[in-house]
Amino acid sequence: MLAVLAAATVLTGCSHHAQVRPASVIFACADANFYAARINWSHWGAADAEGTGVGHQNDCTPNCAAGHFHAYPLTVRLSRPVVCTKGGPHQFSRIAWRFTAAKPAGVARSDGETLPCSFLKIKP
């Protein structure tokens, strides 16, 4: 499977597993209090990828363990491919999102983060 992925730019994200066009992405790795689901990727290329989906944000009221998730339409953009493992696939190192309609209170309309390298094991 990794041989096929080596030909495509992949997203590793919080899972640290190579994925192409994943249906969901977790943005808040520590607690999964912010994630996108039902992502429809309109473009997945070597340099970037774009899709639309539904963002699920925990309101953390009265605290995150007892909070409720609310859904908001958003776009997801992946960019800045890097090579982290010799012979491995290019990995997107930047993920950004933008709420396209309503958004969570006190949260910026758009934001993003740099993704760490995942050192994938490549079989010869």
PDB file of N, CA and C in Angstrom:
ATOM      1  N   MET A   1       0.826  -1.202   0.000  1.00  0.00           N
ATOM      2  CA  MET A   1       0.000   0.000   0.000  1.00  0.00           C
ATOM      3  C   MET A   1       0.861   1.253   0.000  1.00  0.00           C
ATOM      4  N   LEU A   2       1.951   1.264   0.793  1.00  0.00           N
ATOM      5  CA  LEU A   2       2.799   2.451   0.817  1.00  0.00           C
ATOM      6  C   LEU A   2       3.472   2.698  -0.521  1.00  0.00           C
ATOM      7  N   ALA A   3       3.693   1.640  -1.311  1.00  0.00           N
ATOM      8  CA  ALA A   3       4.285   1.850  -2.629  1.00  0.00           C
ATOM      9  C   ALA A   3       3.363   2.707  -3.487  1.00  0.00           C
ATOM     10  N   VAL A   4       2.063   2.461  -3.401  1.00  0.00           N
ATOM     11  CA  VAL A   4       1.092   3.275  -4.137  1.00  0.00           C
ATOM     12  C   VAL A   4       1.083   4.689  -3.574  1.00  0.00           C
ATOM     13  N   LEU A   5       1.098   4.819  -2.238  1.00  0.00           N
ATOM     14  CA  LEU A   5       1.075   6.137  -1.617  1.00  0.00           C
ATOM     15  C   LEU A   5       2.331   6.937  -1.914  1.00  0.00           C
ATOM     16  N   ALA A   6       3.445   6.244  -2.142  1.00  0.00           N
ATOM     17  CA  ALA A   6       4.693   6.955  -2.415  1.00  0.00           C
ATOM     18  C   ALA A   6       4.575   7.807  -3.670  1.00  0.00           C
ATOM     19  N   ALA A   7       3.658   7.461  -4.563  1.00  0.00           N
ATOM     20  CA  ALA A   7       3.472   8.222  -5.793  1.00  0.00           C
ATOM     21  C   ALA A   7       2.575   9.439  -5.585  1.00  0.00           C
ATOM     22  N   ALA A   8       1.858   9.508  -4.471  1.00  0.00           N
ATOM     23  CA  ALA A   8       0.927  10.601  -4.210  1.00  0.00           C
ATOM     24  C   ALA A   8       1.387  11.410  -3.003  1.00  0.00           C
ATOM     25  N   THR A   9       1.009  12.672  -2.962  1.00  0.00           N
ATOM     26  CA  THR A   9       1.243  13.466  -1.761  1.00  0.00           C
ATOM     27  C   THR A   9       0.170  13.058  -0.764  1.00  0.00           C
ATOM     28  N   VAL A  10       0.580  12.813   0.487  1.00  0.00           N
ATOM     29  CA  VAL A  10      -0.339  12.261   1.477  1.00  0.00           C
ATOM     30  C   VAL A  10      -0.529  13.219   2.651  1.00  0.00           C
ATOM     31  N   LEU A  11      -1.589  12.962   3.400  1.00  0.00           N
ATOM     32  CA  LEU A  11      -1.824  13.644   4.662  1.00  0.00           C
ATOM     33  C   LEU A  11      -1.592  12.607   5.750  1.00  0.00           C
ATOM     34  N   THR A  12      -0.797  12.965   6.747  1.00  0.00           N
ATOM     35  CA  THR A  12      -0.611  12.052   7.878  1.00  0.00           C
ATOM     36  C   THR A  12      -1.367  12.574   9.087  1.00  0.00           C
ATOM     37  N   GLY A  13      -1.286  13.872   9.349  1.00  0.00           N
ATOM     38  CA  GLY A  13      -2.058  14.492  10.422  1.00  0.00           C
ATOM     39  C   GLY A  13      -1.908  13.810  11.764  1.00  0.00           C
ATOM     40  N   CYS A  14      -2.969  13.838  12.552  1.00  0.00           N
ATOM     41  CA  CYS A  14      -2.943  13.282  13.902  1.00  0.00           C
ATOM     42  C   CYS A  14      -2.758  11.773  13.918  1.00  0.00           C
ATOM     43  N   SER A  15      -3.202  11.090  12.877  1.00  0.00           N
ATOM     44  CA  SER A  15      -3.130   9.626  12.856  1.00  0.00           C
ATOM     45  C   SER A  15      -1.710   9.121  12.590  1.00  0.00           C
ATOM     46  N   HIS A  16      -0.878   9.949  11.956  1.00  0.00           N
ATOM     47  CA  HIS A  16       0.479   9.566  11.555  1.00  0.00           C
ATOM     48  C   HIS A  16       0.479   8.366  10.613  1.00  0.00           C
ATOM     49  N   HIS A  17      -0.634   8.180   9.890  1.00  0.00           N
ATOM     50  CA  HIS A  17      -0.735   7.174   8.843  1.00  0.00           C
ATOM     51  C   HIS A  17      -0.990   7.900   7.530  1.00  0.00           C
ATOM     52  N   ALA A  18      -0.326   7.456   6.477  1.00  0.00           N
ATOM     53  CA  ALA A  18      -0.484   8.089   5.177  1.00  0.00           C
ATOM     54  C   ALA A  18      -1.896   7.897   4.650  1.00  0.00           C
ATOM     55  N   GLN A  19      -2.532   9.014   4.268  1.00  0.00           N
ATOM     56  CA  GLN A  19      -3.892   8.980   3.731  1.00  0.00           C
ATOM     57  C   GLN A  19      -3.980   9.861   2.493  1.00  0.00           C
ATOM     58  N   VAL A  20      -4.755   9.411   1.544  1.00  0.00           N
ATOM     59  CA  VAL A  20      -5.078  10.204   0.357  1.00  0.00           C
ATOM     60  C   VAL A  20      -6.588  10.392   0.363  1.00  0.00           C
ATOM     61  N   ARG A  21      -7.017  11.652   0.278  1.00  0.00           N
ATOM     62  CA  ARG A  21      -8.440  12.005   0.276  1.00  0.00           C
ATOM     63  C   ARG A  21      -9.210  11.413   1.471  1.00  0.00           C
ATOM     64  N   PRO A  22      -8.743  11.629   2.685  1.00  0.00           N
ATOM     65  CA  PRO A  22      -9.485  11.083   3.833  1.00  0.00           C
ATOM     66  C   PRO A  22     -10.851  11.743   3.970  1.00  0.00           C
ATOM     67  N   ALA A  23     -11.819  10.991   4.452  1.00  0.00           N
ATOM     68  CA  ALA A  23     -13.178  11.505   4.631  1.00  0.00           C
ATOM     69  C   ALA A  23     -13.291  12.404   5.850  1.00  0.00           C
ATOM     70  N   SER A  24     -12.331  12.281   6.762  1.00  0.00           N
ATOM     71  CA  SER A  24     -12.350  13.123   7.963  1.00  0.00           C
ATOM     72  C   SER A  24     -10.918  13.462   8.364  1.00  0.00           C
ATOM     73  N   VAL A  25     -10.784  14.584   9.080  1.00  0.00           N
ATOM     74  CA  VAL A  25      -9.492  15.066   9.551  1.00  0.00           C
ATOM     75  C   VAL A  25      -9.681  15.634  10.950  1.00  0.00           C
ATOM     76  N   ILE A  26      -8.805  15.250  11.871  1.00  0.00           N
ATOM     77  CA  ILE A  26      -8.834  15.824  13.219  1.00  0.00           C
ATOM     78  C   ILE A  26      -7.853  16.993  13.249  1.00  0.00           C
ATOM     79  N   PHE A  27      -8.327  18.159  13.676  1.00  0.00           N
ATOM     80  CA  PHE A  27      -7.461  19.329  13.804  1.00  0.00           C
ATOM     81  C   PHE A  27      -6.860  19.418  15.204  1.00  0.00           C
ATOM     82  N   ALA A  28      -7.637  19.107  16.230  1.00  0.00           N
ATOM     83  CA  ALA A  28      -7.179  19.178  17.622  1.00  0.00           C
ATOM     84  C   ALA A  28      -6.720  17.786  18.039  1.00  0.00           C
ATOM     85  N   CYS A  29      -5.446  17.487  17.796  1.00  0.00           N
ATOM     86  CA  CYS A  29      -4.927  16.133  17.996  1.00  0.00           C
ATOM     87  C   CYS A  29      -5.028  15.649  19.439  1.00  0.00           C
ATOM     88  N   ALA A  30      -4.814  16.506  20.398  1.00  0.00           N
ATOM     89  CA  ALA A  30      -4.768  16.070  21.794  1.00  0.00           C
ATOM     90  C   ALA A  30      -6.103  15.531  22.286  1.00  0.00           C
ATOM     91  N   ASP A  31      -7.206  16.163  21.894  1.00  0.00           N
ATOM     92  CA  ASP A  31      -8.499  15.772  22.454  1.00  0.00           C
ATOM     93  C   ASP A  31      -9.615  15.609  21.422  1.00  0.00           C
ATOM     94  N   ALA A  32      -9.325  15.830  20.147  1.00  0.00           N
ATOM     95  CA  ALA A  32     -10.311  15.707  19.055  1.00  0.00           C
ATOM     96  C   ALA A  32     -11.535  16.595  19.265  1.00  0.00           C
ATOM     97  N   ASN A  33     -11.362  17.733  19.907  1.00  0.00           N
ATOM     98  CA  ASN A  33     -12.479  18.655  20.133  1.00  0.00           C
ATOM     99  C   ASN A  33     -12.778  19.535  18.925  1.00  0.00           C
ATOM    100  N   PHE A  34     -12.018  19.360  17.850  1.00  0.00           N
ATOM    101  CA  PHE A  34     -12.295  20.062  16.604  1.00  0.00           C
ATOM    102  C   PHE A  34     -11.849  19.159  15.464  1.00  0.00           C
ATOM    103  N   TYR A  35     -12.794  18.785  14.599  1.00  0.00           N
ATOM    104  CA  TYR A  35     -12.474  17.924  13.475  1.00  0.00           C
ATOM    105  C   TYR A  35     -13.423  18.224  12.317  1.00  0.00           C
ATOM    106  N   ALA A  36     -13.041  17.769  11.138  1.00  0.00           N
ATOM    107  CA  ALA A  36     -13.895  17.899   9.955  1.00  0.00           C
ATOM    108  C   ALA A  36     -14.281  16.506   9.487  1.00  0.00           C
ATOM    109  N   ALA A  37     -15.522  16.363   9.057  1.00  0.00           N
ATOM    110  CA  ALA A  37     -16.035  15.088   8.546  1.00  0.00           C
ATOM    111  C   ALA A  37     -16.733  15.331   7.213  1.00  0.00           C
ATOM    112  N   ARG A  38     -17.075  14.238   6.554  1.00  0.00           N
ATOM    113  CA  ARG A  38     -17.766  14.298   5.256  1.00  0.00           C
ATOM    114  C   ARG A  38     -17.044  15.227   4.281  1.00  0.00           C
ATOM    115  N   ILE A  39     -15.716  15.112   4.247  1.00  0.00           N
ATOM    116  CA  ILE A  39     -14.932  15.970   3.355  1.00  0.00           C
ATOM    117  C   ILE A  39     -15.058  15.458   1.918  1.00  0.00           C
ATOM    118  N   ASN A  40     -15.401  16.365   1.030  1.00  0.00           N
ATOM    119  CA  ASN A  40     -15.462  16.093  -0.399  1.00  0.00           C
ATOM    120  C   ASN A  40     -14.289  16.842  -1.025  1.00  0.00           C
ATOM    121  N   TRP A  41     -13.272  16.113  -1.435  1.00  0.00           N
ATOM    122  CA  TRP A  41     -12.068  16.724  -2.001  1.00  0.00           C
ATOM    123  C   TRP A  41     -12.311  17.077  -3.459  1.00  0.00           C
ATOM    124  N   SER A  42     -12.328  18.354  -3.773  1.00  0.00           N
ATOM    125  CA  SER A  42     -12.518  18.801  -5.152  1.00  0.00           C
ATOM    126  C   SER A  42     -11.210  18.763  -5.931  1.00  0.00           C
ATOM    127  N   HIS A  43     -10.105  18.771  -5.226  1.00  0.00           N
ATOM    128  CA  HIS A  43      -8.778  18.744  -5.860  1.00  0.00           C
ATOM    129  C   HIS A  43      -7.801  18.067  -4.918  1.00  0.00           C
ATOM    130  N   TRP A  44      -6.991  17.152  -5.435  1.00  0.00           N
ATOM    131  CA  TRP A  44      -5.904  16.535  -4.670  1.00  0.00           C
ATOM    132  C   TRP A  44      -4.724  16.415  -5.615  1.00  0.00           C
ATOM    133  N   GLY A  45      -3.753  17.292  -5.467  1.00  0.00           N
ATOM    134  CA  GLY A  45      -2.608  17.302  -6.354  1.00  0.00           C
ATOM    135  C   GLY A  45      -1.305  17.116  -5.601  1.00  0.00           C
ATOM    136  N   ALA A  46      -0.213  17.209  -6.327  1.00  0.00           N
ATOM    137  CA  ALA A  46       1.103  17.036  -5.734  1.00  0.00           C
ATOM    138  C   ALA A  46       1.471  18.201  -4.819  1.00  0.00           C
ATOM    139  N   ALA A  47       0.980  19.403  -5.125  1.00  0.00           N
ATOM    140  CA  ALA A  47       1.365  20.596  -4.362  1.00  0.00           C
ATOM    141  C   ALA A  47       0.331  21.036  -3.343  1.00  0.00           C
ATOM    142  N   ASP A  48      -0.937  20.727  -3.589  1.00  0.00           N
ATOM    143  CA  ASP A  48      -1.980  21.157  -2.655  1.00  0.00           C
ATOM    144  C   ASP A  48      -3.241  20.331  -2.854  1.00  0.00           C
ATOM    145  N   ALA A  49      -4.162  20.480  -1.921  1.00  0.00           N
ATOM    146  CA  ALA A  49      -5.443  19.791  -1.987  1.00  0.00           C
ATOM    147  C   ALA A  49      -6.493  20.698  -1.364  1.00  0.00           C
ATOM    148  N   GLU A  50      -7.728  20.613  -1.875  1.00  0.00           N
ATOM    149  CA  GLU A  50      -8.819  21.434  -1.349  1.00  0.00           C
ATOM    150  C   GLU A  50     -10.095  20.616  -1.293  1.00  0.00           C
ATOM    151  N   GLY A  51     -10.863  20.854  -0.234  1.00  0.00           N
ATOM    152  CA  GLY A  51     -12.131  20.157  -0.102  1.00  0.00           C
ATOM    153  C   GLY A  51     -13.082  20.929   0.787  1.00  0.00           C
ATOM    154  N   THR A  52     -14.326  20.482   0.804  1.00  0.00           N
ATOM    155  CA  THR A  52     -15.338  21.066   1.676  1.00  0.00           C
ATOM    156  C   THR A  52     -15.887  19.957   2.564  1.00  0.00           C
ATOM    157  N   GLY A  53     -16.300  20.349   3.749  1.00  0.00           N
ATOM    158  CA  GLY A  53     -16.845  19.369   4.675  1.00  0.00           C
ATOM    159  C   GLY A  53     -17.596  20.051   5.795  1.00  0.00           C
ATOM    160  N   VAL A  54     -17.791  19.316   6.868  1.00  0.00           N
ATOM    161  CA  VAL A  54     -18.497  19.827   8.032  1.00  0.00           C
ATOM    162  C   VAL A  54     -17.544  19.818   9.216  1.00  0.00           C
ATOM    163  N   GLY A  55     -17.299  21.008   9.776  1.00  0.00           N
ATOM    164  CA  GLY A  55     -16.457  21.120  10.959  1.00  0.00           C
ATOM    165  C   GLY A  55     -17.274  20.869  12.207  1.00  0.00           C
ATOM    166  N   HIS A  56     -16.743  20.111  13.115  1.00  0.00           N
ATOM    167  CA  HIS A  56     -17.407  19.808  14.385  1.00  0.00           C
ATOM    168  C   HIS A  56     -16.550  20.383  15.507  1.00  0.00           C
ATOM    169  N   GLN A  57     -17.088  21.362  16.204  1.00  0.00           N
ATOM    170  CA  GLN A  57     -16.360  22.090  17.253  1.00  0.00           C
ATOM    171  C   GLN A  57     -17.067  21.869  18.588  1.00  0.00           C
ATOM    172  N   ASN A  58     -16.304  21.436  19.594  1.00  0.00           N
ATOM    173  CA  ASN A  58     -16.844  21.270  20.935  1.00  0.00           C
ATOM    174  C   ASN A  58     -16.922  22.645  21.591  1.00  0.00           C
ATOM    175  N   ASP A  59     -18.079  22.988  22.181  1.00  0.00           N
ATOM    176  CA  ASP A  59     -18.199  24.298  22.840  1.00  0.00           C
ATOM    177  C   ASP A  59     -17.561  24.310  24.225  1.00  0.00           C
ATOM    178  N   CYS A  60     -17.161  23.139  24.716  1.00  0.00           N
ATOM    179  CA  CYS A  60     -16.460  23.011  26.004  1.00  0.00           C
ATOM    180  C   CYS A  60     -17.210  23.709  27.146  1.00  0.00           C
ATOM    181  N   THR A  61     -18.531  23.682  27.091  1.00  0.00           N
ATOM    182  CA  THR A  61     -19.346  24.292  28.140  1.00  0.00           C
ATOM    183  C   THR A  61     -20.116  23.201  28.875  1.00  0.00           C
ATOM    184  N   PRO A  62     -19.966  23.025  30.134  1.00  0.00           N
ATOM    185  CA  PRO A  62     -19.192  23.813  31.101  1.00  0.00           C
ATOM    186  C   PRO A  62     -17.702  23.480  31.075  1.00  0.00           C
ATOM    187  N   ASN A  63     -17.351  22.336  30.459  1.00  0.00           N
ATOM    188  CA  ASN A  63     -15.946  21.971  30.243  1.00  0.00           C
ATOM    189  C   ASN A  63     -15.924  21.071  29.008  1.00  0.00           C
ATOM    190  N   CYS A  64     -14.757  20.777  28.493  1.00  0.00           N
ATOM    191  CA  CYS A  64     -14.684  20.026  27.238  1.00  0.00           C
ATOM    192  C   CYS A  64     -15.225  18.603  27.369  1.00  0.00           C
ATOM    193  N   ALA A  65     -15.067  17.984  28.527  1.00  0.00           N
ATOM    194  CA  ALA A  65     -15.583  16.624  28.715  1.00  0.00           C
ATOM    195  C   ALA A  65     -17.112  16.604  28.698  1.00  0.00           C
ATOM    196  N   ALA A  66     -17.737  17.671  29.158  1.00  0.00           N
ATOM    197  CA  ALA A  66     -19.204  17.743  29.212  1.00  0.00           C
ATOM    198  C   ALA A  66     -19.791  18.630  28.117  1.00  0.00           C
ATOM    199  N   GLY A  67     -18.938  19.137  27.224  1.00  0.00           N
ATOM    200  CA  GLY A  67     -19.400  20.041  26.175  1.00  0.00           C
ATOM    201  C   GLY A  67     -20.178  19.337  25.081  1.00  0.00           C
ATOM    202  N   HIS A  68     -20.680  20.131  24.139  1.00  0.00           N
ATOM    203  CA  HIS A  68     -21.468  19.622  23.023  1.00  0.00           C
ATOM    204  C   HIS A  68     -20.806  20.055  21.714  1.00  0.00           C
ATOM    205  N   PHE A  69     -20.871  19.175  20.721  1.00  0.00           N
ATOM    206  CA  PHE A  69     -20.331  19.498  19.413  1.00  0.00           C
ATOM    207  C   PHE A  69     -21.382  20.209  18.574  1.00  0.00           C
ATOM    208  N   HIS A  70     -20.921  21.211  17.834  1.00  0.00           N
ATOM    209  CA  HIS A  70     -21.769  21.958  16.917  1.00  0.00           C
ATOM    210  C   HIS A  70     -21.136  21.859  15.533  1.00  0.00           C
ATOM    211  N   ALA A  71     -21.968  21.802  14.495  1.00  0.00           N
ATOM    212  CA  ALA A  71     -21.486  21.610  13.135  1.00  0.00           C
ATOM    213  C   ALA A  71     -21.532  22.909  12.339  1.00  0.00           C
ATOM    214  N   TYR A  72     -20.470  23.127  11.549  1.00  0.00           N
ATOM    215  CA  TYR A  72     -20.334  24.337  10.730  1.00  0.00           C
ATOM    216  C   TYR A  72     -19.711  23.943   9.391  1.00  0.00           C
ATOM    217  N   PRO A  73     -20.252  24.424   8.274  1.00  0.00           N
ATOM    218  CA  PRO A  73     -19.614  24.135   6.985  1.00  0.00           C
ATOM    219  C   PRO A  73     -18.255  24.826   6.903  1.00  0.00           C
ATOM    220  N   LEU A  74     -17.307  24.122   6.295  1.00  0.00           N
ATOM    221  CA  LEU A  74     -15.966  24.702   6.152  1.00  0.00           C
ATOM    222  C   LEU A  74     -15.258  24.171   4.930  1.00  0.00           C
ATOM    223  N   THR A  75     -14.165  24.827   4.591  1.00  0.00           N
ATOM    224  CA  THR A  75     -13.263  24.346   3.553  1.00  0.00           C
ATOM    225  C   THR A  75     -11.958  23.936   4.220  1.00  0.00           C
ATOM    226  N   VAL A  76     -11.276  22.991   3.613  1.00  0.00           N
ATOM    227  CA  VAL A  76      -9.986  22.510   4.104  1.00  0.00           C
ATOM    228  C   VAL A  76      -8.993  22.648   2.970  1.00  0.00           C
ATOM    229  N   ARG A  77      -7.808  23.135   3.280  1.00  0.00           N
ATOM    230  CA  ARG A  77      -6.741  23.267   2.277  1.00  0.00           C
ATOM    231  C   ARG A  77      -5.455  22.692   2.830  1.00  0.00           C
ATOM    232  N   LEU A  78      -4.812  21.836   2.056  1.00  0.00           N
ATOM    233  CA  LEU A  78      -3.521  21.245   2.399  1.00  0.00           C
ATOM    234  C   LEU A  78      -2.477  21.811   1.454  1.00  0.00           C
ATOM    235  N   SER A  79      -1.264  22.045   1.971  1.00  0.00           N
ATOM    236  CA  SER A  79      -0.215  22.612   1.125  1.00  0.00           C
ATOM    237  C   SER A  79       1.159  22.293   1.718  1.00  0.00           C
ATOM    238  N   ARG A  80       2.179  22.859   1.097  1.00  0.00           N
ATOM    239  CA  ARG A  80       3.586  22.748   1.501  1.00  0.00           C
ATOM    240  C   ARG A  80       4.064  21.299   1.649  1.00  0.00           C
ATOM    241  N   PRO A  81       4.095  20.545   0.562  1.00  0.00           N
ATOM    242  CA  PRO A  81       4.569  19.162   0.656  1.00  0.00           C
ATOM    243  C   PRO A  81       6.059  19.093   1.009  1.00  0.00           C
ATOM    244  N   VAL A  82       6.396  18.124   1.839  1.00  0.00           N
ATOM    245  CA  VAL A  82       7.777  17.874   2.253  1.00  0.00           C
ATOM    246  C   VAL A  82       8.031  16.369   2.193  1.00  0.00           C
ATOM    247  N   VAL A  83       9.307  15.995   2.151  1.00  0.00           N
ATOM    248  CA  VAL A  83       9.686  14.583   2.232  1.00  0.00           C
ATOM    249  C   VAL A  83      10.298  14.381   3.607  1.00  0.00           C
ATOM    250  N   CYS A  84       9.714  13.486   4.378  1.00  0.00           N
ATOM    251  CA  CYS A  84      10.172  13.251   5.749  1.00  0.00           C
ATOM    252  C   CYS A  84      10.974  11.961   5.887  1.00  0.00           C
ATOM    253  N   THR A  85      10.735  11.006   5.000  1.00  0.00           N
ATOM    254  CA  THR A  85      11.414   9.722   5.042  1.00  0.00           C
ATOM    255  C   THR A  85      12.030   9.457   3.681  1.00  0.00           C
ATOM    256  N   LYS A  86      13.319   9.139   3.646  1.00  0.00           N
ATOM    257  CA  LYS A  86      13.980   8.847   2.374  1.00  0.00           C
ATOM    258  C   LYS A  86      13.220   7.739   1.661  1.00  0.00           C
ATOM    259  N   GLY A  87      12.838   8.006   0.431  1.00  0.00           N
ATOM    260  CA  GLY A  87      12.083   7.042  -0.356  1.00  0.00           C
ATOM    261  C   GLY A  87      10.596   7.034  -0.045  1.00  0.00           C
ATOM    262  N   GLY A  88      10.192   7.861   0.904  1.00  0.00           N
ATOM    263  CA  GLY A  88       8.783   7.906   1.301  1.00  0.00           C
ATOM    264  C   GLY A  88       8.000   8.917   0.493  1.00  0.00           C
ATOM    265  N   PRO A  89       6.713   8.973   0.736  1.00  0.00           N
ATOM    266  CA  PRO A  89       5.864   9.895  -0.017  1.00  0.00           C
ATOM    267  C   PRO A  89       6.052  11.338   0.437  1.00  0.00           C
ATOM    268  N   HIS A  90       5.697  12.264  -0.422  1.00  0.00           N
ATOM    269  CA  HIS A  90       5.599  13.657  -0.007  1.00  0.00           C
ATOM    270  C   HIS A  90       4.410  13.749   0.949  1.00  0.00           C
ATOM    271  N   GLN A  91       4.569  14.551   2.005  1.00  0.00           N
ATOM    272  CA  GLN A  91       3.508  14.745   2.992  1.00  0.00           C
ATOM    273  C   GLN A  91       3.150  16.220   3.027  1.00  0.00           C
ATOM    274  N   PHE A  92       1.856  16.515   3.074  1.00  0.00           N
ATOM    275  CA  PHE A  92       1.452  17.903   3.255  1.00  0.00           C
ATOM    276  C   PHE A  92       1.882  18.342   4.655  1.00  0.00           C
ATOM    277  N   SER A  93       2.506  19.512   4.744  1.00  0.00           N
ATOM    278  CA  SER A  93       2.982  19.993   6.044  1.00  0.00           C
ATOM    279  C   SER A  93       2.172  21.174   6.567  1.00  0.00           C
ATOM    280  N   ARG A  94       1.154  21.573   5.835  1.00  0.00           N
ATOM    281  CA  ARG A  94       0.314  22.702   6.261  1.00  0.00           C
ATOM    282  C   ARG A  94      -1.142  22.349   6.022  1.00  0.00           C
ATOM    283  N   ILE A  95      -1.978  22.598   7.027  1.00  0.00           N
ATOM    284  CA  ILE A  95      -3.414  22.412   6.895  1.00  0.00           C
ATOM    285  C   ILE A  95      -4.095  23.705   7.329  1.00  0.00           C
ATOM    286  N   ALA A  96      -5.059  24.140   6.562  1.00  0.00           N
ATOM    287  CA  ALA A  96      -5.788  25.370   6.880  1.00  0.00           C
ATOM    288  C   ALA A  96      -7.276  25.104   6.697  1.00  0.00           C
ATOM    289  N   TRP A  97      -8.087  25.834   7.437  1.00  0.00           N
ATOM    290  CA  TRP A  97      -9.536  25.703   7.329  1.00  0.00           C
ATOM    291  C   TRP A  97     -10.171  27.076   7.367  1.00  0.00           C
ATOM    292  N   ARG A  98     -11.367  27.141   6.791  1.00  0.00           N
ATOM    293  CA  ARG A  98     -12.130  28.385   6.777  1.00  0.00           C
ATOM    294  C   ARG A  98     -13.605  28.028   6.912  1.00  0.00           C
ATOM    295  N   PHE A  99     -14.256  28.624   7.899  1.00  0.00           N
ATOM    296  CA  PHE A  99     -15.697  28.448   8.062  1.00  0.00           C
ATOM    297  C   PHE A  99     -16.375  29.262   6.970  1.00  0.00           C
ATOM    298  N   THR A 100     -17.292  28.647   6.238  1.00  0.00           N
ATOM    299  CA  THR A 100     -17.880  29.308   5.070  1.00  0.00           C
ATOM    300  C   THR A 100     -19.211  29.988   5.356  1.00  0.00           C
ATOM    301  N   ALA A 101     -19.794  29.734   6.496  1.00  0.00           N
ATOM    302  CA  ALA A 101     -21.066  30.374   6.872  1.00  0.00           C
ATOM    303  C   ALA A 101     -20.963  30.712   8.356  1.00  0.00           C
ATOM    304  N   ALA A 102     -21.836  30.142   9.170  1.00  0.00           N
ATOM    305  CA  ALA A 102     -21.754  30.365  10.617  1.00  0.00           C
ATOM    306  C   ALA A 102     -20.432  29.785  11.119  1.00  0.00           C
ATOM    307  N   LYS A 103     -19.977  30.301  12.249  1.00  0.00           N
ATOM    308  CA  LYS A 103     -18.741  29.817  12.846  1.00  0.00           C
ATOM    309  C   LYS A 103     -18.888  29.794  14.357  1.00  0.00           C
ATOM    310  N   PRO A 104     -18.036  29.045  15.031  1.00  0.00           N
ATOM    311  CA  PRO A 104     -18.100  29.019  16.495  1.00  0.00           C
ATOM    312  C   PRO A 104     -17.810  30.397  17.080  1.00  0.00           C
ATOM    313  N   ALA A 105     -18.516  30.751  18.137  1.00  0.00           N
ATOM    314  CA  ALA A 105     -18.288  32.036  18.813  1.00  0.00           C
ATOM    315  C   ALA A 105     -16.863  32.083  19.355  1.00  0.00           C
ATOM    316  N   GLY A 106     -16.231  33.228  19.175  1.00  0.00           N
ATOM    317  CA  GLY A 106     -14.893  33.428  19.707  1.00  0.00           C
ATOM    318  C   GLY A 106     -13.791  32.735  18.933  1.00  0.00           C
ATOM    319  N   VAL A 107     -14.106  32.189  17.772  1.00  0.00           N
ATOM    320  CA  VAL A 107     -13.125  31.484  16.948  1.00  0.00           C
ATOM    321  C   VAL A 107     -12.947  32.265  15.648  1.00  0.00           C
ATOM    322  N   ALA A 108     -11.719  32.354  15.176  1.00  0.00           N
ATOM    323  CA  ALA A 108     -11.442  33.064  13.924  1.00  0.00           C
ATOM    324  C   ALA A 108     -12.148  32.370  12.758  1.00  0.00           C
ATOM    325  N   ARG A 109     -12.544  33.133  11.747  1.00  0.00           N
ATOM    326  CA  ARG A 109     -13.193  32.576  10.560  1.00  0.00           C
ATOM    327  C   ARG A 109     -12.264  31.592   9.852  1.00  0.00           C
ATOM    328  N   SER A 110     -10.971  31.867   9.853  1.00  0.00           N
ATOM    329  CA  SER A 110     -10.030  30.951   9.210  1.00  0.00           C
ATOM    330  C   SER A 110      -8.775  30.824  10.074  1.00  0.00           C
ATOM    331  N   ASP A 111      -8.135  29.682   9.965  1.00  0.00           N
ATOM    332  CA  ASP A 111      -6.926  29.421  10.731  1.00  0.00           C
ATOM    333  C   ASP A 111      -6.219  28.242  10.091  1.00  0.00           C
ATOM    334  N   GLY A 112      -5.102  27.869  10.634  1.00  0.00           N
ATOM    335  CA  GLY A 112      -4.359  26.737  10.115  1.00  0.00           C
ATOM    336  C   GLY A 112      -3.222  26.385  11.046  1.00  0.00           C
ATOM    337  N   GLU A 113      -2.520  25.335  10.682  1.00  0.00           N
ATOM    338  CA  GLU A 113      -1.386  24.916  11.498  1.00  0.00           C
ATOM    339  C   GLU A 113      -0.392  24.139  10.658  1.00  0.00           C
ATOM    340  N   THR A 114       0.829  24.079  11.160  1.00  0.00           N
ATOM    341  CA  THR A 114       1.880  23.293  10.532  1.00  0.00           C
ATOM    342  C   THR A 114       1.812  21.888  11.093  1.00  0.00           C
ATOM    343  N   LEU A 115       1.907  20.916  10.214  1.00  0.00           N
ATOM    344  CA  LEU A 115       1.851  19.515  10.613  1.00  0.00           C
ATOM    345  C   LEU A 115       3.262  18.967  10.785  1.00  0.00           C
ATOM    346  N   PRO A 116       3.478  18.134  11.802  1.00  0.00           N
ATOM    347  CA  PRO A 116       4.811  17.547  11.983  1.00  0.00           C
ATOM    348  C   PRO A 116       5.047  16.440  10.963  1.00  0.00           C
ATOM    349  N   CYS A 117       6.298  16.144  10.713  1.00  0.00           N
ATOM    350  CA  CYS A 117       6.643  15.023   9.847  1.00  0.00           C
ATOM    351  C   CYS A 117       6.257  13.723  10.527  1.00  0.00           C
ATOM    352  N   SER A 118       5.772  12.786   9.725  1.00  0.00           N
ATOM    353  CA  SER A 118       5.554  11.420  10.200  1.00  0.00           C
ATOM    354  C   SER A 118       6.571  10.566   9.476  1.00  0.00           C
ATOM    355  N   PHE A 119       7.383   9.893  10.239  1.00  0.00           N
ATOM    356  CA  PHE A 119       8.446   9.083   9.644  1.00  0.00           C
ATOM    357  C   PHE A 119       7.898   7.702   9.362  1.00  0.00           C
ATOM    358  N   LEU A 120       7.340   7.572   8.160  1.00  0.00           N
ATOM    359  CA  LEU A 120       6.674   6.350   7.741  1.00  0.00           C
ATOM    360  C   LEU A 120       7.699   5.282   7.402  1.00  0.00           C
ATOM    361  N   LYS A 121       7.395   4.035   7.771  1.00  0.00           N
ATOM    362  CA  LYS A 121       8.266   2.922   7.452  1.00  0.00           C
ATOM    363  C   LYS A 121       7.950   2.480   6.024  1.00  0.00           C
ATOM    364  N   ILE A 122       8.973   2.489   5.197  1.00  0.00           N
ATOM    365  CA  ILE A 122       8.822   2.117   3.794  1.00  0.00           C
ATOM    366  C   ILE A 122       9.455   0.751   3.596  1.00  0.00           C
ATOM    367  N   LYS A 123       8.680  -0.204   3.071  1.00  0.00           N
ATOM    368  CA  LYS A 123       9.230  -1.538   2.797  1.00  0.00           C
ATOM    369  C   LYS A 123       9.882  -1.526   1.424  1.00  0.00           C
ATOM    370  N   PRO A 124      11.063  -2.134   1.320  1.00  0.00           N
ATOM    371  CA  PRO A 124      11.745  -2.174   0.012  1.00  0.00           C
ATOM    372  C   PRO A 124      11.004  -3.007  -1.010  1.00  0.00           C
TER     373      PRO A 124
END
